[in-house]
Protein backbone atom coordinates (compact mmCIF):
# COMPACT_ATOMS: atom_id res chain seq x y z
CA MET A 1 -105.88 -77.45 47.23
CA LEU A 2 -105.33 -77.20 43.48
CA SER A 3 -105.14 -80.40 41.51
CA LEU A 4 -102.11 -81.20 39.35
CA THR A 5 -104.26 -80.75 36.26
CA THR A 6 -105.28 -77.25 37.34
CA ILE A 7 -101.69 -76.32 38.13
CA ALA A 8 -100.58 -77.63 34.73
CA ILE A 9 -103.25 -75.52 32.99
CA ILE A 10 -102.22 -72.41 34.94
CA VAL A 11 -98.56 -72.96 34.06
CA LEU A 12 -99.51 -73.48 30.43
CA VAL A 13 -101.58 -70.30 30.33
CA ILE A 14 -98.78 -68.30 31.98
CA GLY A 15 -96.31 -69.75 29.47
CA LEU A 16 -98.53 -68.82 26.54
CA ILE A 17 -99.07 -65.31 27.88
CA TYR A 18 -95.33 -64.90 28.24
CA GLN A 19 -94.56 -66.34 24.78
CA PHE A 20 -97.28 -64.55 22.82
CA PHE A 21 -97.65 -61.30 24.74
CA ILE A 22 -95.03 -60.40 27.35
CA SER A 23 -91.96 -61.45 25.36
CA PRO A 24 -92.84 -60.15 21.85
CA TYR A 25 -94.72 -57.03 22.93
CA ILE A 26 -92.77 -55.97 26.04
CA ILE A 27 -89.41 -57.75 26.58
CA SER A 28 -88.06 -58.26 23.04
CA PRO A 29 -85.49 -55.66 21.83
CA LEU A 30 -87.83 -55.23 18.83
CA SER A 31 -90.83 -54.36 21.03
CA LYS A 32 -90.10 -50.61 20.93
CA ILE A 33 -90.22 -50.57 17.11
CA PRO A 34 -93.56 -49.56 15.52
CA ASN A 35 -95.59 -52.52 14.30
CA ALA A 36 -96.85 -52.83 10.74
CA HIS A 37 -99.92 -54.63 12.12
CA PHE A 38 -101.04 -55.39 15.65
CA THR A 39 -100.22 -59.08 15.03
CA SER A 40 -96.68 -58.41 13.71
CA PRO A 41 -94.86 -59.24 17.00
CA ILE A 42 -96.31 -62.77 17.04
CA THR A 43 -96.87 -63.77 13.40
CA SER A 44 -95.79 -62.92 9.84
CA LEU A 45 -99.16 -63.83 8.33
CA TRP A 46 -100.15 -60.22 7.66
CA ILE A 47 -97.04 -59.30 5.64
CA LEU A 48 -97.02 -62.70 3.92
CA HIS A 49 -100.56 -62.01 2.72
CA LYS A 50 -99.47 -58.63 1.33
CA ARG A 51 -96.64 -60.35 -0.56
CA LYS A 52 -98.85 -63.07 -1.93
CA THR A 53 -101.46 -60.61 -3.20
CA GLY A 54 -98.91 -58.25 -4.81
CA ASN A 55 -99.30 -55.38 -2.34
CA GLU A 56 -96.04 -55.48 -0.43
CA VAL A 57 -93.98 -52.65 -1.94
CA LYS A 58 -96.55 -49.86 -1.69
CA THR A 59 -97.80 -51.12 1.68
CA ILE A 60 -94.31 -50.88 3.17
CA TYR A 61 -93.91 -47.36 1.76
CA SER A 62 -97.20 -46.35 3.40
CA LEU A 63 -96.03 -47.85 6.71
CA HIS A 64 -92.84 -45.78 6.68
CA GLN A 65 -94.84 -42.65 5.98
CA GLN A 66 -96.92 -43.39 9.07
CA HIS A 67 -94.31 -44.78 11.46
CA GLY A 68 -90.90 -43.47 10.42
CA PRO A 69 -87.67 -45.14 9.26
CA VAL A 70 -88.04 -48.52 11.00
CA VAL A 71 -91.13 -50.75 10.99
CA ARG A 72 -91.59 -54.25 12.41
CA LEU A 73 -93.14 -56.47 9.72
CA GLY A 74 -93.09 -59.73 11.67
CA PRO A 75 -91.74 -61.30 14.86
CA ASN A 76 -88.25 -61.37 13.40
CA GLU A 77 -88.40 -58.94 10.47
CA LEU A 78 -87.85 -55.20 10.05
CA SER A 79 -88.12 -52.76 7.17
CA VAL A 80 -85.61 -49.87 7.28
CA ASN A 81 -85.90 -46.67 5.25
CA SER A 82 -82.96 -44.31 5.86
CA ILE A 83 -79.42 -43.46 4.86
CA ASP A 84 -78.09 -44.67 8.21
CA GLY A 85 -79.97 -47.92 7.75
CA LEU A 86 -78.36 -48.47 4.35
CA ARG A 87 -74.93 -47.86 5.85
CA THR A 88 -75.50 -50.31 8.70
CA ILE A 89 -77.11 -53.11 6.69
CA TYR A 90 -75.66 -53.01 3.18
CA THR A 91 -72.32 -51.27 3.56
CA GLY A 92 -71.96 -53.26 6.77
CA GLY A 93 -71.99 -56.48 4.78
CA PHE A 94 -74.99 -58.26 6.32
CA GLU A 95 -75.48 -61.56 4.48
CA LYS A 96 -78.41 -62.43 2.26
CA THR A 97 -81.36 -64.54 3.36
CA GLN A 98 -82.43 -67.97 2.12
CA TRP A 99 -85.02 -66.20 -0.07
CA TYR A 100 -82.39 -65.39 -2.71
CA SER A 101 -81.33 -69.02 -3.04
CA ASP A 102 -84.98 -70.09 -3.18
CA ILE A 103 -85.76 -67.69 -6.04
CA PHE A 104 -82.66 -66.97 -8.11
CA VAL A 105 -80.68 -70.21 -8.30
CA ASN A 106 -80.35 -71.70 -11.83
CA PHE A 107 -79.51 -75.30 -12.74
CA GLY A 108 -79.59 -76.02 -9.01
CA THR A 109 -76.36 -74.01 -8.85
CA ASP A 110 -75.66 -70.68 -7.17
CA ASN A 111 -74.76 -67.48 -9.00
CA LEU A 112 -73.82 -64.01 -7.78
CA VAL A 113 -77.40 -63.06 -6.93
CA SER A 114 -78.42 -66.31 -5.24
CA THR A 115 -75.23 -66.75 -3.18
CA GLN A 116 -76.05 -66.00 0.45
CA SER A 117 -72.67 -65.82 2.18
CA TYR A 118 -70.34 -62.89 1.80
CA LYS A 119 -67.04 -64.72 1.22
CA PRO A 120 -68.02 -66.99 -1.73
CA HIS A 121 -69.83 -64.05 -3.29
CA SER A 122 -66.78 -61.86 -2.93
CA ILE A 123 -64.55 -64.49 -4.57
CA ARG A 124 -66.87 -64.84 -7.55
CA LYS A 125 -67.42 -61.12 -7.90
CA ARG A 126 -63.67 -60.56 -8.22
CA MET A 127 -63.68 -62.97 -11.17
CA LEU A 128 -66.14 -60.79 -13.08
CA SER A 129 -65.99 -57.23 -11.77
CA ASN A 130 -63.22 -56.10 -14.13
CA VAL A 131 -65.26 -56.56 -17.33
CA TYR A 132 -68.18 -54.64 -15.81
CA SER A 133 -66.09 -51.74 -14.49
CA LYS A 134 -66.80 -48.29 -15.88
CA SER A 135 -63.33 -47.82 -17.36
CA TYR A 136 -63.31 -51.25 -19.03
CA LEU A 137 -66.74 -50.75 -20.60
CA GLN A 138 -65.90 -47.28 -21.86
CA ASN A 139 -62.79 -48.55 -23.63
CA SER A 140 -63.98 -52.00 -24.74
CA PRO A 141 -63.62 -52.41 -28.53
CA ASP A 142 -65.96 -55.40 -28.32
CA LEU A 143 -68.76 -53.38 -26.71
CA GLN A 144 -68.18 -50.54 -29.17
CA ARG A 145 -68.55 -52.99 -32.04
CA VAL A 146 -71.62 -54.56 -30.48
CA SER A 147 -73.15 -51.10 -30.02
CA LEU A 148 -72.60 -50.23 -33.68
CA ILE A 149 -74.16 -53.48 -34.85
CA ILE A 150 -77.24 -53.16 -32.64
CA VAL A 151 -77.83 -49.41 -32.83
CA VAL A 152 -76.76 -48.58 -36.37
CA ASP A 153 -77.39 -51.79 -38.29
CA ARG A 154 -80.58 -52.89 -36.51
CA PHE A 155 -82.34 -50.38 -34.27
CA LEU A 156 -82.13 -47.16 -36.29
CA PRO A 157 -83.28 -48.76 -39.57
CA LEU A 158 -86.27 -50.29 -37.78
CA LEU A 159 -87.28 -46.97 -36.23
CA GLY A 160 -86.74 -45.22 -39.56
CA GLU A 161 -89.03 -47.69 -41.30
CA LEU A 162 -91.70 -47.30 -38.62
CA ALA A 163 -91.51 -43.50 -38.94
CA GLN A 164 -91.71 -43.63 -42.71
CA LYS A 165 -94.79 -45.87 -42.66
CA ARG A 166 -96.33 -44.02 -39.71
CA GLU A 167 -96.70 -47.33 -37.87
CA ALA A 168 -97.06 -47.39 -34.12
CA ILE A 169 -95.29 -50.11 -32.13
CA ASN A 170 -95.37 -51.64 -28.66
CA VAL A 171 -91.92 -50.62 -27.46
CA PHE A 172 -91.85 -52.71 -24.27
CA PRO A 173 -91.08 -56.10 -25.87
CA LEU A 174 -88.88 -54.37 -28.46
CA LEU A 175 -86.78 -52.75 -25.74
CA GLN A 176 -86.59 -56.01 -23.80
CA GLY A 177 -85.32 -57.61 -26.99
CA LEU A 178 -82.81 -54.82 -27.49
CA GLY A 179 -81.57 -55.32 -23.93
CA GLN A 180 -81.20 -59.03 -24.61
CA ASP A 181 -79.28 -58.34 -27.84
CA PHE A 182 -76.79 -56.12 -26.00
CA THR A 183 -76.38 -58.47 -23.05
CA SER A 184 -76.07 -61.71 -25.00
CA ALA A 185 -73.53 -60.21 -27.41
CA TYR A 186 -71.37 -58.89 -24.56
CA LEU A 187 -71.60 -62.20 -22.72
CA PHE A 188 -71.16 -64.63 -25.62
CA GLY A 189 -69.81 -62.54 -28.50
CA SER A 190 -71.75 -61.26 -31.50
CA LYS A 191 -71.56 -64.71 -33.09
CA TYR A 192 -73.98 -66.10 -30.51
CA GLY A 193 -75.78 -62.90 -29.57
CA THR A 194 -79.51 -62.74 -30.25
CA ASP A 195 -81.13 -60.50 -32.85
CA PHE A 196 -84.48 -59.94 -31.14
CA ILE A 197 -84.83 -56.52 -32.77
CA HIS A 198 -85.40 -58.20 -36.13
CA ASP A 199 -86.53 -61.71 -35.25
CA VAL A 200 -89.90 -60.91 -33.70
CA ALA A 201 -91.07 -64.54 -33.64
CA LYS A 202 -88.02 -65.69 -31.67
CA ARG A 203 -88.29 -62.71 -29.37
CA GLU A 204 -91.93 -63.43 -28.59
CA CYS A 205 -91.18 -67.10 -28.00
CA TRP A 206 -88.24 -66.29 -25.73
CA LEU A 207 -90.18 -63.70 -23.72
CA ASP A 208 -93.06 -66.14 -23.33
CA MET A 209 -90.64 -68.80 -22.05
CA TYR A 210 -89.18 -66.29 -19.63
CA GLU A 211 -92.56 -65.23 -18.22
CA LYS A 212 -93.27 -68.89 -17.36
CA PHE A 213 -89.73 -69.41 -16.08
CA LYS A 214 -89.71 -66.54 -13.61
CA VAL A 215 -92.90 -67.59 -11.82
CA SER A 216 -91.79 -71.23 -11.49
CA HIS A 217 -89.96 -72.66 -8.49
CA PRO A 218 -86.26 -73.30 -9.25
CA LYS A 219 -86.77 -77.04 -8.72
CA GLU A 220 -89.63 -77.08 -11.23
CA ARG A 221 -87.80 -75.11 -13.90
CA SER A 222 -84.40 -76.78 -13.39
CA PHE A 223 -83.06 -78.00 -16.77
CA GLY A 224 -86.33 -77.06 -18.42
CA GLU A 225 -86.63 -75.47 -21.85
CA PHE A 226 -85.35 -72.06 -20.78
CA GLU A 227 -82.32 -73.38 -18.90
CA GLN A 228 -81.50 -75.87 -21.65
CA TRP A 229 -81.44 -73.01 -24.17
CA CYS A 230 -78.81 -71.19 -22.09
CA LEU A 231 -76.80 -74.35 -21.38
CA ALA A 232 -76.57 -75.19 -25.08
CA LEU A 233 -75.35 -71.66 -25.80
CA CYS A 234 -72.70 -71.91 -23.07
CA ASP A 235 -71.48 -75.26 -24.43
CA LYS A 236 -71.01 -73.77 -27.90
CA VAL A 237 -68.91 -70.90 -26.53
CA THR A 238 -66.88 -73.31 -24.38
CA ASN A 239 -66.05 -75.39 -27.46
CA ASP A 240 -64.99 -72.26 -29.35
CA LEU A 241 -62.73 -71.20 -26.49
CA LYS A 242 -61.11 -74.63 -26.36
CA GLU A 243 -60.52 -74.55 -30.11
CA GLY A 244 -59.34 -70.93 -30.18
CA LYS A 245 -62.30 -69.80 -32.28
CA ALA A 246 -63.89 -67.37 -29.84
CA SER A 247 -64.21 -64.61 -32.43
CA SER A 248 -63.66 -63.87 -36.09
CA ASP A 249 -62.79 -60.73 -38.06
CA GLN A 250 -66.49 -59.86 -38.17
CA GLY A 251 -67.39 -60.95 -34.65
CA THR A 252 -66.57 -59.90 -31.11
CA GLN A 253 -65.11 -61.74 -28.14
CA PRO A 254 -67.37 -63.46 -25.60
CA VAL A 255 -66.12 -60.95 -23.05
CA VAL A 256 -67.95 -61.99 -19.88
CA TYR A 257 -68.04 -65.72 -20.58
CA ALA A 258 -64.34 -65.87 -21.43
CA GLN A 259 -63.42 -63.89 -18.31
CA PHE A 260 -65.39 -66.22 -16.03
CA TYR A 261 -64.21 -69.36 -17.85
CA ARG A 262 -60.55 -68.43 -17.46
CA SER A 263 -61.02 -67.39 -13.85
CA LEU A 264 -62.57 -70.77 -13.04
CA GLN A 265 -59.60 -72.52 -14.65
CA LYS A 266 -57.38 -70.90 -12.02
CA ASN A 267 -59.49 -72.44 -9.21
CA PRO A 268 -59.00 -76.23 -9.44
CA GLU A 269 -61.28 -76.90 -6.47
CA ILE A 270 -64.32 -75.62 -8.40
CA TRP A 271 -63.21 -76.40 -11.97
CA GLU A 272 -65.05 -79.72 -12.01
CA ARG A 273 -68.35 -77.89 -11.48
CA LYS A 274 -67.56 -75.25 -14.06
CA ARG A 275 -70.21 -76.14 -16.65
CA LEU A 276 -73.19 -75.45 -14.41
CA MET A 277 -71.49 -72.57 -12.62
CA LEU A 278 -70.90 -70.88 -15.98
CA ALA A 279 -74.45 -71.53 -17.14
CA SER A 280 -76.07 -70.37 -13.90
CA GLU A 281 -74.09 -67.12 -13.91
CA MET A 282 -74.70 -66.36 -17.58
CA LEU A 283 -78.43 -67.04 -17.31
CA ASP A 284 -78.65 -64.66 -14.36
CA HIS A 285 -76.93 -61.91 -16.38
CA LEU A 286 -79.20 -62.52 -19.37
CA ILE A 287 -82.32 -62.28 -17.22
CA ALA A 288 -81.21 -59.10 -15.46
CA GLY A 289 -79.88 -57.51 -18.63
CA HIS A 290 -83.01 -57.84 -20.73
CA GLU A 291 -85.76 -57.20 -18.20
CA THR A 292 -84.47 -54.33 -16.09
CA SER A 293 -83.07 -52.36 -19.04
CA GLY A 294 -86.31 -52.94 -20.97
CA ILE A 295 -88.33 -51.57 -18.05
CA SER A 296 -86.07 -48.53 -17.57
CA LEU A 297 -86.04 -47.65 -21.28
CA THR A 298 -89.82 -48.04 -21.54
CA TYR A 299 -90.52 -45.61 -18.70
CA THR A 300 -87.97 -43.11 -20.01
CA LEU A 301 -89.79 -43.09 -23.34
CA TRP A 302 -93.16 -42.85 -21.60
CA GLU A 303 -92.17 -39.79 -19.59
CA LEU A 304 -90.49 -38.04 -22.52
CA SER A 305 -93.39 -38.82 -24.87
CA GLN A 306 -95.63 -36.71 -22.63
CA ARG A 307 -93.27 -33.72 -22.91
CA PRO A 308 -92.51 -32.57 -26.50
CA ALA A 309 -90.73 -29.46 -25.23
CA LEU A 310 -88.35 -31.55 -23.13
CA GLN A 311 -87.67 -33.79 -26.14
CA ALA A 312 -86.66 -30.67 -28.07
CA ARG A 313 -84.35 -29.51 -25.25
CA LEU A 314 -82.75 -32.94 -25.10
CA ARG A 315 -82.27 -32.98 -28.87
CA VAL A 316 -80.38 -29.68 -28.77
CA GLU A 317 -78.02 -31.20 -26.19
CA LEU A 318 -77.61 -34.41 -28.22
CA LEU A 319 -76.83 -32.58 -31.46
CA GLY A 320 -73.66 -31.30 -29.80
CA LEU A 321 -72.21 -34.81 -29.76
CA SER A 322 -69.28 -35.59 -32.03
CA PRO A 323 -69.49 -37.78 -33.98
CA THR A 324 -73.18 -37.16 -34.36
CA LEU A 325 -75.86 -39.79 -33.90
CA ARG A 326 -77.85 -38.27 -36.77
CA TYR A 327 -79.06 -40.98 -39.11
CA ALA A 328 -79.22 -39.47 -42.57
CA SER A 329 -78.96 -42.86 -44.23
CA ARG A 330 -77.92 -46.35 -43.23
CA GLU A 331 -74.93 -46.27 -45.56
CA LYS A 332 -73.60 -43.02 -44.11
CA ALA A 333 -74.05 -44.16 -40.55
CA LYS A 334 -72.15 -47.38 -41.17
CA ASP A 335 -69.09 -45.39 -42.18
CA GLY A 336 -69.02 -43.46 -38.93
CA SER A 337 -68.61 -44.32 -35.31
CA LEU A 338 -70.59 -43.72 -32.17
CA PRO A 339 -69.94 -40.92 -29.68
CA SER A 340 -67.75 -41.94 -26.79
CA THR A 341 -69.33 -43.07 -23.56
CA GLN A 342 -67.51 -40.23 -21.80
CA SER A 343 -69.20 -37.66 -24.06
CA LEU A 344 -72.63 -39.17 -23.36
CA ASN A 345 -71.91 -39.10 -19.63
CA ASN A 346 -71.07 -35.41 -19.89
CA LEU A 347 -74.58 -34.49 -21.05
CA PRO A 348 -76.35 -33.15 -17.93
CA LEU A 349 -79.93 -33.20 -19.24
CA LEU A 350 -79.63 -36.77 -20.55
CA ASP A 351 -78.15 -37.90 -17.24
CA SER A 352 -80.85 -36.19 -15.19
CA ILE A 353 -83.62 -37.73 -17.32
CA ILE A 354 -82.21 -41.23 -16.89
CA ARG A 355 -81.51 -40.78 -13.18
CA GLU A 356 -85.01 -39.45 -12.46
CA THR A 357 -86.60 -42.33 -14.36
CA LEU A 358 -84.56 -44.83 -12.40
CA ARG A 359 -85.64 -43.08 -9.19
CA LEU A 360 -89.39 -42.93 -9.86
CA HIS A 361 -89.74 -46.07 -11.99
CA THR A 362 -87.13 -48.34 -10.44
CA ALA A 363 -87.05 -51.67 -12.27
CA VAL A 364 -86.35 -53.51 -9.00
CA PRO A 365 -88.35 -51.66 -6.32
CA GLY A 366 -88.86 -54.60 -3.94
CA PRO A 367 -87.18 -55.23 -0.56
CA GLN A 368 -83.63 -56.57 -0.47
CA PRO A 369 -83.58 -58.77 2.69
CA ARG A 370 -80.47 -59.31 4.79
CA VAL A 371 -79.77 -61.08 8.10
CA VAL A 372 -78.42 -59.36 11.22
CA PRO A 373 -75.20 -61.23 12.13
CA PHE A 374 -74.75 -63.08 15.40
CA SER A 375 -71.97 -61.04 16.96
CA SER A 376 -70.64 -59.84 20.28
CA GLN A 377 -70.94 -56.32 18.87
CA PRO A 378 -74.55 -55.17 19.38
CA VAL A 379 -76.34 -53.89 16.26
CA THR A 380 -78.20 -50.57 16.46
CA ILE A 381 -80.46 -49.40 13.65
CA GLU A 382 -81.84 -45.85 13.69
CA GLY A 383 -81.47 -45.62 17.46
CA TYR A 384 -83.03 -49.01 18.22
CA PRO A 385 -80.31 -50.96 20.12
CA ASN A 386 -79.52 -54.65 20.48
CA ILE A 387 -81.20 -55.90 17.31
CA PRO A 388 -80.96 -59.70 17.75
CA GLY A 389 -78.79 -61.80 15.47
CA GLY A 390 -80.90 -63.63 12.89
CA THR A 391 -83.37 -60.75 12.50
CA ILE A 392 -84.30 -60.15 8.85
CA VAL A 393 -83.84 -56.51 7.82
CA SER A 394 -84.53 -54.98 4.43
CA SER A 395 -84.76 -51.72 2.52
CA SER A 396 -86.50 -51.08 -0.79
CA ALA A 397 -85.73 -48.62 -3.57
CA PHE A 398 -89.42 -47.70 -3.87
CA SER A 399 -89.54 -46.30 -0.34
CA LEU A 400 -86.01 -44.87 -0.27
CA HIS A 401 -86.66 -42.95 -3.49
CA ARG A 402 -89.74 -41.32 -1.97
CA ILE A 403 -88.28 -39.83 1.20
CA ALA A 404 -89.79 -36.36 0.82
CA ASP A 405 -87.12 -34.54 2.86
CA VAL A 406 -84.58 -35.56 0.24
CA TYR A 407 -86.78 -35.79 -2.87
CA PRO A 408 -89.51 -33.10 -2.58
CA ASN A 409 -92.70 -34.00 -4.48
CA PRO A 410 -91.40 -37.57 -4.63
CA ASP A 411 -94.21 -38.94 -6.83
CA GLU A 412 -93.51 -36.44 -9.60
CA TRP A 413 -91.04 -37.05 -12.44
CA LEU A 414 -88.77 -33.99 -12.17
CA PRO A 415 -85.39 -34.30 -13.95
CA GLU A 416 -84.63 -30.74 -12.82
CA ARG A 417 -84.03 -32.03 -9.29
CA TRP A 418 -80.79 -33.58 -10.57
CA LEU A 419 -79.79 -30.65 -12.79
CA ASN A 420 -79.88 -28.08 -10.01
CA PRO A 421 -79.91 -29.95 -6.70
CA ASP A 422 -80.30 -28.09 -3.44
CA SER A 423 -76.86 -27.94 -1.80
CA SER A 424 -78.34 -29.12 1.50
CA THR A 425 -79.76 -32.33 -0.02
CA SER A 426 -77.53 -33.10 -3.03
CA GLU A 427 -75.32 -35.54 -1.12
CA ALA A 428 -78.33 -37.29 0.42
CA MET A 429 -79.93 -37.59 -3.03
CA LYS A 430 -76.89 -39.48 -4.28
CA ARG A 431 -76.65 -41.72 -1.23
CA LEU A 432 -80.35 -42.60 -1.30
CA PHE A 433 -80.33 -43.32 -5.04
CA TRP A 434 -80.73 -47.07 -4.90
CA ALA A 435 -81.70 -48.20 -8.39
CA PHE A 436 -78.76 -50.63 -8.32
CA GLY A 437 -78.49 -51.20 -4.57
CA SER A 438 -75.35 -50.39 -2.58
CA GLY A 439 -72.45 -52.02 -0.81
CA GLY A 440 -70.62 -55.17 -1.83
CA ARG A 441 -73.79 -56.79 -3.18
CA MET A 442 -74.95 -53.97 -5.44
CA CYS A 443 -75.76 -54.74 -9.07
CA LEU A 444 -72.63 -55.86 -10.93
CA GLY A 445 -74.00 -54.65 -14.27
CA SER A 446 -74.96 -51.10 -13.23
CA ASN A 447 -72.32 -49.42 -15.43
CA PHE A 448 -73.25 -51.63 -18.38
CA ALA A 449 -76.95 -50.82 -17.96
CA LEU A 450 -76.37 -47.06 -17.75
CA GLN A 451 -74.09 -47.10 -20.80
CA VAL A 452 -76.66 -48.96 -22.90
CA ILE A 453 -79.65 -46.91 -21.70
CA LYS A 454 -77.94 -43.59 -22.38
CA LEU A 455 -76.85 -44.66 -25.86
CA VAL A 456 -80.33 -45.91 -26.80
CA ILE A 457 -82.15 -42.81 -25.52
CA ALA A 458 -79.61 -40.54 -27.21
CA THR A 459 -80.04 -42.44 -30.48
CA ILE A 460 -83.83 -42.19 -30.41
CA TYR A 461 -84.15 -38.49 -29.57
CA THR A 462 -81.41 -37.33 -31.90
CA ASN A 463 -83.47 -38.68 -34.78
CA PHE A 464 -87.12 -38.92 -33.74
CA THR A 465 -89.90 -37.46 -31.68
CA THR A 466 -92.18 -39.87 -29.85
CA SER A 467 -95.84 -39.64 -28.89
CA ILE A 468 -98.15 -41.98 -26.99
CA VAL A 469 -100.74 -43.97 -28.91
CA ASN A 470 -101.77 -46.30 -26.08
CA ASP A 471 -100.38 -46.52 -22.55
CA GLU A 472 -103.15 -48.52 -20.90
CA GLY A 473 -101.70 -50.63 -18.09
CA ILE A 474 -98.51 -48.58 -17.83
CA GLU A 475 -98.65 -48.72 -14.02
CA GLN A 476 -95.83 -50.79 -12.57
CA GLU A 477 -96.54 -54.11 -10.89
CA ASP A 478 -96.10 -54.28 -7.13
CA ASN A 479 -93.37 -56.93 -7.23
CA TYR A 480 -89.66 -57.39 -6.64
CA ILE A 481 -89.16 -56.67 -10.37
CA ALA A 482 -91.79 -54.27 -11.69
CA PRO A 483 -92.67 -54.24 -15.41
CA PRO A 484 -95.79 -52.42 -16.67
CA LYS A 485 -98.96 -54.25 -15.68
CA GLY A 486 -100.20 -54.21 -19.27
CA ARG A 487 -96.81 -55.23 -20.72
CA LYS A 488 -97.13 -52.53 -23.34
CA LEU A 489 -96.45 -48.94 -24.35
CA ILE A 490 -97.51 -48.18 -27.91
CA LEU A 491 -95.66 -45.21 -29.40
CA GLN A 492 -95.48 -43.33 -32.68
CA PHE A 493 -92.04 -42.35 -33.98
CA ILE A 494 -91.68 -39.30 -36.26
CA ALA A 495 -88.38 -38.48 -37.96
CA VAL A 496 -86.90 -35.03 -37.36
């Protein structure tokens, strides 16, 4: 007769076998999904190691190539790589995970990116979406004025001087600074916008602060030097708004800040927390605006600098703009105006070059995790039924942009794929293009980013040719946001 101790051990062993083998590998609704690693059904250690060592993005892409559109990364985590998956997860409004709050919160206060739940995000997005809409941006006199100041008064003279002296320059920090100049001026008005194109010392100091900021835990960086800089800026604009001095004859309105400030005034229940809510939101826009646009512009220049013939084709298209972006002299240019955003959008070669760069060199290639809702309606993803509530599901632009059935030769930079798309795949190409995400949580500033990027590229290649002097370390980091590993691209500008 078995002793109680023996019976207890047998029960324990059976329980462990059930918990760590039968349930995760056989009974679980996720058990039919291909595993990233043989340990994935019982532990997340394997994928956590890939994340920690900076190998997650490319590893997940390789897994989808091997196993298809759905892969099980951990006991409760899936990666999904398909159009249907995007529709289910992101258009379906699955809420964000705790990861966003852990990483993107500023001042201990949520912003659009860090907010997990759908409803509070939707309320805040409505406060800001108008000033980032395509029609508003295209017709904004403030953004037109900002564009003239930055492109004509600052950027073109600098490039002209570099070309005249035959000096090469690292364009990556310059383009990050240009992105910051555009974003800060649109947020806070030209009075408080940065001039990182000219002020190299301030730009280097700011970028150095940011590099430390983005790898620090939100609790460690809270109200540190970087956040205090933004908070002080917000306080100045708030005082101007209260005193009716938001802009002058020479300056522009603090478009985004004023919109959010006035929207908060209409919500008395959150007005008391307005100072930190304003600061957290503005800092998030500043971070996104400078880094992602800097990355996208850098890789556009890198690809074009390898193709002189394509530069010439693009220049022919750009010279058809009216008014022209030709920079005969600073004085002449100041008297003119910039081409309309609509006319830039109507240039097919320019659009295809930008779109292909955003596809192959996505600034944010990392997974965008969401949580399957607890609901009476069962969730099916790519034919796998009954996905349990609470399961983490994610897609990544890196993998989506390399689905070979939709983007043949996916690792090649081929703008022609957008100029003359195959009729059988053109719709899928658009739906899989995920540089800004999709659904209700897609990037709020996508129209702003595209407008700035197109204007800057058009300005450069109307007036200059570019060639590579040094592109060592140009490979993108394997991270959620992916700048060049070497943080540099040294180019030579030659006037045409």
